[in-house]
N, C-alpha and C. Protein backbone atom coordinates (compact mmCIF):
# COMPACT_ATOMS: atom_id res chain seq x y z
N MET A 1 -21.40 -5.45 4.04
CA MET A 1 -20.24 -4.58 4.11
C MET A 1 -20.51 -3.48 5.15
N ILE A 2 -19.59 -3.33 6.07
CA ILE A 2 -19.66 -2.26 7.07
C ILE A 2 -18.80 -1.11 6.59
N ARG A 3 -19.40 0.08 6.56
CA ARG A 3 -18.67 1.28 6.13
C ARG A 3 -18.40 2.14 7.36
N VAL A 4 -17.15 2.59 7.48
CA VAL A 4 -16.75 3.37 8.65
C VAL A 4 -15.89 4.56 8.24
N VAL A 5 -15.93 5.59 9.06
CA VAL A 5 -14.93 6.64 9.05
C VAL A 5 -14.04 6.34 10.24
N VAL A 6 -12.75 6.24 9.98
CA VAL A 6 -11.79 5.93 11.02
C VAL A 6 -11.03 7.21 11.35
N ASP A 7 -11.12 7.65 12.59
CA ASP A 7 -10.49 8.89 13.04
C ASP A 7 -8.97 8.79 12.94
N ALA A 8 -8.32 9.93 12.83
CA ALA A 8 -6.86 9.99 12.72
C ALA A 8 -6.18 9.30 13.89
N ASN A 9 -6.74 9.43 15.10
CA ASN A 9 -6.08 8.81 16.26
C ASN A 9 -6.03 7.29 16.13
N VAL A 10 -7.03 6.72 15.49
CA VAL A 10 -7.06 5.27 15.28
C VAL A 10 -6.04 4.89 14.21
N LEU A 11 -5.97 5.67 13.15
CA LEU A 11 -5.02 5.38 12.08
C LEU A 11 -3.58 5.50 12.57
N VAL A 12 -3.30 6.52 13.37
CA VAL A 12 -1.95 6.68 13.92
C VAL A 12 -1.62 5.51 14.85
N SER A 13 -2.57 5.16 15.69
CA SER A 13 -2.36 4.02 16.58
C SER A 13 -2.11 2.75 15.79
N ALA A 14 -2.81 2.59 14.68
CA ALA A 14 -2.61 1.41 13.83
C ALA A 14 -1.20 1.37 13.26
N ALA A 15 -0.63 2.53 13.01
CA ALA A 15 0.72 2.60 12.45
C ALA A 15 1.79 2.24 13.46
N ILE A 16 1.52 2.48 14.75
CA ILE A 16 2.58 2.32 15.76
C ILE A 16 2.34 1.20 16.76
N SER A 17 1.20 0.51 16.66
CA SER A 17 0.90 -0.54 17.63
C SER A 17 0.23 -1.72 16.97
N VAL A 18 -0.02 -2.76 17.73
CA VAL A 18 -0.69 -3.95 17.18
C VAL A 18 -2.00 -4.26 17.90
N GLY A 19 -2.60 -3.27 18.52
CA GLY A 19 -3.85 -3.47 19.25
C GLY A 19 -5.07 -3.41 18.34
N PRO A 20 -6.23 -3.12 18.91
CA PRO A 20 -7.48 -3.09 18.14
C PRO A 20 -7.43 -2.16 16.93
N SER A 21 -6.80 -1.00 17.07
CA SER A 21 -6.72 -0.07 15.93
C SER A 21 -6.00 -0.71 14.76
N HIS A 22 -4.91 -1.38 15.04
CA HIS A 22 -4.15 -2.06 13.98
C HIS A 22 -4.99 -3.15 13.33
N ARG A 23 -5.71 -3.91 14.14
CA ARG A 23 -6.54 -4.99 13.59
C ARG A 23 -7.67 -4.43 12.73
N ILE A 24 -8.27 -3.32 13.14
CA ILE A 24 -9.35 -2.70 12.36
C ILE A 24 -8.83 -2.24 11.00
N VAL A 25 -7.72 -1.54 11.00
CA VAL A 25 -7.16 -1.03 9.75
C VAL A 25 -6.71 -2.19 8.87
N SER A 26 -6.13 -3.21 9.46
CA SER A 26 -5.73 -4.39 8.69
C SER A 26 -6.95 -5.05 8.05
N ALA A 27 -8.05 -5.13 8.78
CA ALA A 27 -9.28 -5.71 8.23
C ALA A 27 -9.75 -4.90 7.03
N ALA A 28 -9.68 -3.58 7.13
CA ALA A 28 -10.08 -2.73 6.02
C ALA A 28 -9.11 -2.90 4.85
N PHE A 29 -7.82 -3.04 5.14
CA PHE A 29 -6.83 -3.21 4.08
C PHE A 29 -7.07 -4.49 3.30
N ILE A 30 -7.45 -5.54 3.97
CA ILE A 30 -7.57 -6.82 3.28
C ILE A 30 -9.03 -7.17 2.95
N ALA A 31 -9.87 -6.17 2.99
CA ALA A 31 -11.26 -6.29 2.52
C ALA A 31 -12.04 -7.41 3.21
N GLU A 32 -12.00 -7.45 4.51
CA GLU A 32 -12.77 -8.43 5.28
C GLU A 32 -14.12 -7.85 5.67
N GLY A 33 -14.82 -7.29 4.73
CA GLY A 33 -16.15 -6.77 5.01
C GLY A 33 -16.18 -5.40 5.64
N VAL A 34 -15.05 -4.68 5.61
CA VAL A 34 -14.99 -3.34 6.16
C VAL A 34 -14.48 -2.39 5.09
N THR A 35 -15.21 -1.33 4.85
CA THR A 35 -14.74 -0.26 3.97
C THR A 35 -14.52 0.96 4.83
N ALA A 36 -13.29 1.43 4.84
CA ALA A 36 -12.94 2.63 5.61
C ALA A 36 -12.88 3.82 4.66
N ILE A 37 -13.61 4.86 5.01
CA ILE A 37 -13.68 6.08 4.21
C ILE A 37 -12.71 7.10 4.81
N VAL A 38 -11.86 7.67 3.97
CA VAL A 38 -10.95 8.74 4.39
C VAL A 38 -11.03 9.86 3.36
N CYS A 39 -10.57 11.03 3.75
CA CYS A 39 -10.55 12.18 2.85
C CYS A 39 -9.20 12.87 2.98
N PRO A 40 -8.87 13.79 2.07
CA PRO A 40 -7.58 14.47 2.14
C PRO A 40 -7.31 15.16 3.49
N ALA A 41 -8.34 15.78 4.09
CA ALA A 41 -8.14 16.44 5.38
C ALA A 41 -7.75 15.43 6.46
N LEU A 42 -8.36 14.28 6.44
CA LEU A 42 -8.05 13.22 7.40
C LEU A 42 -6.65 12.67 7.16
N LEU A 43 -6.29 12.45 5.92
CA LEU A 43 -4.95 11.97 5.60
C LEU A 43 -3.89 13.00 5.99
N ALA A 44 -4.19 14.29 5.80
CA ALA A 44 -3.25 15.34 6.21
C ALA A 44 -3.06 15.36 7.72
N GLU A 45 -4.13 15.13 8.45
CA GLU A 45 -4.04 15.07 9.92
C GLU A 45 -3.17 13.89 10.34
N VAL A 46 -3.37 12.74 9.73
CA VAL A 46 -2.56 11.56 10.05
C VAL A 46 -1.10 11.84 9.73
N SER A 47 -0.83 12.41 8.57
CA SER A 47 0.54 12.72 8.17
C SER A 47 1.20 13.67 9.16
N SER A 48 0.47 14.68 9.57
CA SER A 48 1.00 15.65 10.53
C SER A 48 1.39 14.98 11.85
N VAL A 49 0.53 14.11 12.34
CA VAL A 49 0.81 13.43 13.60
C VAL A 49 1.98 12.46 13.44
N LEU A 50 2.02 11.74 12.34
CA LEU A 50 3.12 10.78 12.12
C LEU A 50 4.47 11.47 12.00
N ASN A 51 4.46 12.76 11.67
CA ASN A 51 5.71 13.51 11.55
C ASN A 51 6.14 14.20 12.83
N ARG A 52 5.40 14.02 13.90
CA ARG A 52 5.79 14.60 15.19
C ARG A 52 6.98 13.82 15.75
N PRO A 53 7.92 14.52 16.37
CA PRO A 53 9.13 13.85 16.88
C PRO A 53 8.84 12.69 17.82
N ARG A 54 7.85 12.81 18.69
CA ARG A 54 7.59 11.72 19.64
C ARG A 54 7.04 10.47 18.93
N ILE A 55 6.36 10.67 17.81
CA ILE A 55 5.87 9.53 17.02
C ILE A 55 7.01 8.95 16.20
N GLN A 56 7.87 9.81 15.68
CA GLN A 56 8.98 9.33 14.86
C GLN A 56 9.98 8.50 15.67
N LYS A 57 9.93 8.63 16.99
CA LYS A 57 10.76 7.76 17.83
C LYS A 57 10.26 6.32 17.77
N ARG A 58 8.98 6.14 17.45
CA ARG A 58 8.37 4.81 17.40
C ARG A 58 8.16 4.30 15.98
N LEU A 59 8.23 5.20 15.01
CA LEU A 59 7.96 4.83 13.63
C LEU A 59 8.91 5.61 12.73
N LEU A 60 9.78 4.91 12.04
CA LEU A 60 10.73 5.55 11.16
C LEU A 60 10.00 6.30 10.04
N ALA A 61 10.60 7.38 9.58
CA ALA A 61 9.97 8.24 8.58
C ALA A 61 9.59 7.47 7.32
N ASP A 62 10.45 6.57 6.85
CA ASP A 62 10.13 5.83 5.63
C ASP A 62 8.95 4.88 5.85
N ARG A 63 8.82 4.36 7.06
CA ARG A 63 7.68 3.49 7.38
C ARG A 63 6.39 4.31 7.46
N ALA A 64 6.49 5.55 7.96
CA ALA A 64 5.32 6.44 8.01
C ALA A 64 4.85 6.76 6.60
N VAL A 65 5.78 7.03 5.71
CA VAL A 65 5.42 7.31 4.32
C VAL A 65 4.76 6.09 3.69
N ALA A 66 5.32 4.92 3.93
CA ALA A 66 4.74 3.68 3.38
C ALA A 66 3.33 3.45 3.93
N PHE A 67 3.14 3.73 5.22
CA PHE A 67 1.82 3.56 5.83
C PHE A 67 0.81 4.50 5.17
N LEU A 68 1.19 5.76 4.97
CA LEU A 68 0.29 6.71 4.31
C LEU A 68 -0.01 6.28 2.88
N ASP A 69 1.00 5.79 2.18
CA ASP A 69 0.77 5.28 0.82
C ASP A 69 -0.23 4.13 0.84
N ASP A 70 -0.10 3.24 1.83
CA ASP A 70 -1.03 2.12 1.97
C ASP A 70 -2.45 2.64 2.20
N LEU A 71 -2.59 3.66 3.04
CA LEU A 71 -3.92 4.21 3.30
C LEU A 71 -4.56 4.71 2.02
N VAL A 72 -3.78 5.46 1.24
CA VAL A 72 -4.31 6.03 0.00
C VAL A 72 -4.67 4.93 -1.00
N THR A 73 -3.88 3.90 -1.03
CA THR A 73 -4.10 2.82 -1.99
C THR A 73 -5.25 1.89 -1.59
N LEU A 74 -5.36 1.59 -0.31
CA LEU A 74 -6.24 0.52 0.11
C LEU A 74 -7.56 0.96 0.75
N LEU A 75 -7.64 2.21 1.18
CA LEU A 75 -8.89 2.70 1.76
C LEU A 75 -9.65 3.50 0.71
N ASP A 76 -10.89 3.79 0.98
CA ASP A 76 -11.73 4.53 0.04
C ASP A 76 -11.53 6.03 0.26
N VAL A 77 -10.72 6.64 -0.59
CA VAL A 77 -10.41 8.07 -0.47
C VAL A 77 -11.47 8.84 -1.26
N VAL A 78 -12.14 9.73 -0.55
CA VAL A 78 -13.19 10.56 -1.14
C VAL A 78 -12.84 12.02 -0.90
N ALA A 79 -13.58 12.92 -1.52
CA ALA A 79 -13.36 14.35 -1.34
C ALA A 79 -13.67 14.76 0.10
N ASP A 80 -13.02 15.85 0.52
CA ASP A 80 -13.36 16.42 1.82
C ASP A 80 -14.84 16.77 1.83
N PRO A 81 -15.46 16.76 3.02
CA PRO A 81 -16.89 17.10 3.09
C PRO A 81 -17.17 18.47 2.48
N SER A 82 -18.26 18.56 1.77
CA SER A 82 -18.60 19.82 1.10
C SER A 82 -19.12 20.87 2.08
N SER A 83 -19.72 20.41 3.16
CA SER A 83 -20.27 21.33 4.15
C SER A 83 -20.05 20.75 5.54
N VAL A 84 -19.49 21.57 6.42
CA VAL A 84 -19.23 21.12 7.79
C VAL A 84 -19.99 22.03 8.75
N GLU A 85 -20.92 21.43 9.47
CA GLU A 85 -21.74 22.16 10.44
C GLU A 85 -21.24 21.86 11.85
N PRO A 86 -21.43 22.78 12.80
CA PRO A 86 -21.07 22.49 14.18
C PRO A 86 -21.93 21.35 14.72
N GLU A 87 -21.30 20.29 15.18
CA GLU A 87 -22.01 19.12 15.70
C GLU A 87 -21.52 18.70 17.08
N THR A 88 -20.21 18.77 17.28
CA THR A 88 -19.60 18.23 18.49
C THR A 88 -19.03 19.35 19.34
N ARG A 89 -18.56 19.00 20.52
CA ARG A 89 -18.00 20.04 21.38
C ARG A 89 -16.60 20.47 20.92
N ASP A 90 -15.97 19.68 20.04
CA ASP A 90 -14.67 20.05 19.48
C ASP A 90 -14.85 20.30 17.99
N PRO A 91 -14.81 21.55 17.57
CA PRO A 91 -15.04 21.86 16.15
C PRO A 91 -14.09 21.12 15.20
N LYS A 92 -12.93 20.69 15.69
CA LYS A 92 -11.99 19.96 14.83
C LYS A 92 -12.50 18.57 14.47
N ASP A 93 -13.51 18.09 15.20
CA ASP A 93 -14.08 16.77 14.91
C ASP A 93 -15.26 16.84 13.95
N ASP A 94 -15.78 18.02 13.73
CA ASP A 94 -17.00 18.16 12.93
C ASP A 94 -16.85 17.67 11.49
N TYR A 95 -15.64 17.79 10.93
CA TYR A 95 -15.47 17.33 9.55
C TYR A 95 -15.63 15.81 9.45
N LEU A 96 -15.30 15.09 10.52
CA LEU A 96 -15.48 13.64 10.52
C LEU A 96 -16.97 13.28 10.49
N VAL A 97 -17.74 14.02 11.25
CA VAL A 97 -19.19 13.80 11.27
C VAL A 97 -19.78 14.12 9.90
N ALA A 98 -19.33 15.21 9.29
CA ALA A 98 -19.82 15.58 7.96
C ALA A 98 -19.39 14.53 6.93
N LEU A 99 -18.17 14.05 7.03
CA LEU A 99 -17.69 13.01 6.12
C LEU A 99 -18.54 11.76 6.25
N ALA A 100 -18.81 11.36 7.48
CA ALA A 100 -19.64 10.18 7.73
C ALA A 100 -21.05 10.36 7.17
N ALA A 101 -21.63 11.53 7.36
CA ALA A 101 -22.99 11.79 6.87
C ALA A 101 -23.05 11.79 5.35
N GLU A 102 -22.06 12.40 4.71
CA GLU A 102 -22.06 12.47 3.24
C GLU A 102 -21.92 11.09 2.60
N HIS A 103 -21.30 10.16 3.31
CA HIS A 103 -21.01 8.86 2.69
C HIS A 103 -21.77 7.71 3.34
N GLY A 104 -22.76 8.05 4.16
CA GLY A 104 -23.67 7.04 4.70
C GLY A 104 -22.98 5.90 5.42
N VAL A 105 -22.00 6.24 6.25
CA VAL A 105 -21.28 5.18 6.96
C VAL A 105 -22.11 4.66 8.12
N ASP A 106 -21.73 3.47 8.57
CA ASP A 106 -22.42 2.83 9.68
C ASP A 106 -21.90 3.29 11.04
N PHE A 107 -20.59 3.59 11.10
CA PHE A 107 -19.95 3.97 12.36
C PHE A 107 -18.81 4.94 12.11
N ILE A 108 -18.51 5.72 13.13
CA ILE A 108 -17.24 6.44 13.23
C ILE A 108 -16.46 5.69 14.29
N VAL A 109 -15.22 5.34 13.98
CA VAL A 109 -14.37 4.65 14.95
C VAL A 109 -13.34 5.65 15.44
N SER A 110 -13.34 5.89 16.76
CA SER A 110 -12.48 6.92 17.32
C SER A 110 -12.18 6.64 18.78
N GLY A 111 -11.01 7.07 19.19
CA GLY A 111 -10.67 7.04 20.60
C GLY A 111 -10.83 8.41 21.24
N ASP A 112 -11.34 9.37 20.48
CA ASP A 112 -11.50 10.75 20.92
C ASP A 112 -12.69 10.87 21.87
N LYS A 113 -12.41 11.30 23.07
CA LYS A 113 -13.45 11.42 24.09
C LYS A 113 -14.59 12.36 23.64
N ASP A 114 -14.23 13.43 22.92
CA ASP A 114 -15.26 14.36 22.46
C ASP A 114 -16.26 13.67 21.53
N LEU A 115 -15.78 12.80 20.68
CA LEU A 115 -16.68 12.07 19.79
C LEU A 115 -17.41 10.95 20.53
N LEU A 116 -16.68 10.23 21.38
CA LEU A 116 -17.30 9.12 22.10
C LEU A 116 -18.41 9.59 23.03
N GLU A 117 -18.30 10.79 23.55
CA GLU A 117 -19.31 11.34 24.47
C GLU A 117 -20.31 12.25 23.78
N TRP A 118 -20.21 12.42 22.48
CA TRP A 118 -21.10 13.27 21.71
C TRP A 118 -22.52 12.72 21.80
N GLU A 119 -23.42 13.53 22.29
CA GLU A 119 -24.79 13.08 22.53
C GLU A 119 -25.60 12.87 21.26
N GLY A 120 -25.25 13.57 20.20
CA GLY A 120 -26.03 13.47 18.98
C GLY A 120 -25.52 12.43 18.00
N GLN A 121 -24.87 11.41 18.49
CA GLN A 121 -24.17 10.45 17.63
C GLN A 121 -25.03 9.92 16.49
N SER A 122 -24.70 10.40 15.31
CA SER A 122 -25.33 9.91 14.10
C SER A 122 -24.33 10.10 12.97
N PRO A 123 -23.66 9.04 12.59
CA PRO A 123 -23.77 7.65 13.00
C PRO A 123 -23.15 7.43 14.38
N PRO A 124 -23.36 6.26 14.96
CA PRO A 124 -22.77 5.96 16.26
C PRO A 124 -21.24 6.00 16.21
N VAL A 125 -20.66 6.40 17.33
CA VAL A 125 -19.20 6.43 17.46
C VAL A 125 -18.80 5.29 18.38
N MET A 126 -17.81 4.52 17.94
CA MET A 126 -17.34 3.38 18.73
C MET A 126 -15.84 3.50 18.95
N ALA A 127 -15.41 3.13 20.15
CA ALA A 127 -13.98 3.03 20.43
C ALA A 127 -13.42 1.86 19.62
N PRO A 128 -12.13 1.89 19.31
CA PRO A 128 -11.55 0.80 18.50
C PRO A 128 -11.79 -0.60 19.07
N ALA A 129 -11.62 -0.77 20.37
CA ALA A 129 -11.81 -2.10 20.96
C ALA A 129 -13.26 -2.57 20.81
N ALA A 130 -14.21 -1.67 21.01
CA ALA A 130 -15.63 -2.03 20.87
C ALA A 130 -15.95 -2.37 19.42
N PHE A 131 -15.40 -1.61 18.49
CA PHE A 131 -15.65 -1.89 17.08
C PHE A 131 -15.02 -3.22 16.68
N TRP A 132 -13.82 -3.49 17.18
CA TRP A 132 -13.18 -4.77 16.88
C TRP A 132 -14.03 -5.93 17.43
N ASN A 133 -14.57 -5.76 18.63
CA ASN A 133 -15.44 -6.80 19.20
C ASN A 133 -16.67 -7.02 18.32
N LEU A 134 -17.23 -5.93 17.78
CA LEU A 134 -18.37 -6.05 16.87
C LEU A 134 -17.98 -6.83 15.63
N LEU A 135 -16.82 -6.54 15.06
CA LEU A 135 -16.36 -7.27 13.88
C LEU A 135 -16.16 -8.75 14.20
N GLU A 136 -15.56 -9.03 15.33
CA GLU A 136 -15.33 -10.43 15.72
C GLU A 136 -16.64 -11.17 15.92
N SER A 137 -17.59 -10.52 16.57
CA SER A 137 -18.88 -11.19 16.81
C SER A 137 -19.66 -11.41 15.52
N ALA A 138 -19.37 -10.59 14.50
CA ALA A 138 -20.01 -10.76 13.20
C ALA A 138 -19.24 -11.73 12.32
N GLY A 139 -18.15 -12.28 12.84
CA GLY A 139 -17.36 -13.25 12.09
C GLY A 139 -16.50 -12.66 11.00
N ARG A 140 -16.13 -11.40 11.14
CA ARG A 140 -15.28 -10.75 10.12
C ARG A 140 -13.84 -10.84 10.52
């Protein structure tokens, strides 16, 4: 079982497109060897982005609500990190690193340049396409 923290940008992309982000989240939804860890802060970030007017042009409000309900039901929802230390160049990303550390995940999946270029990657950060390739090569 591969455990991951999936960044909000990947979850939003999964809601509005059918690329690697969508395939990753679908794999987690249908339990193909991927457990995605989320927390209330991450779900709130996803909800906030899905409610932006430019996103709502691509995703109807009722579909956004259904997507969030699916996330809560099908992903592993845990408490927000108890302690968040400065780790990355963007302090808004630090809670993801703390979440990953608290739950012993194997990867953070993100399209965020600040995380992808973070020199202290622990756990490793992978772009959605690279993570999908890893899943495919592992036969998941």
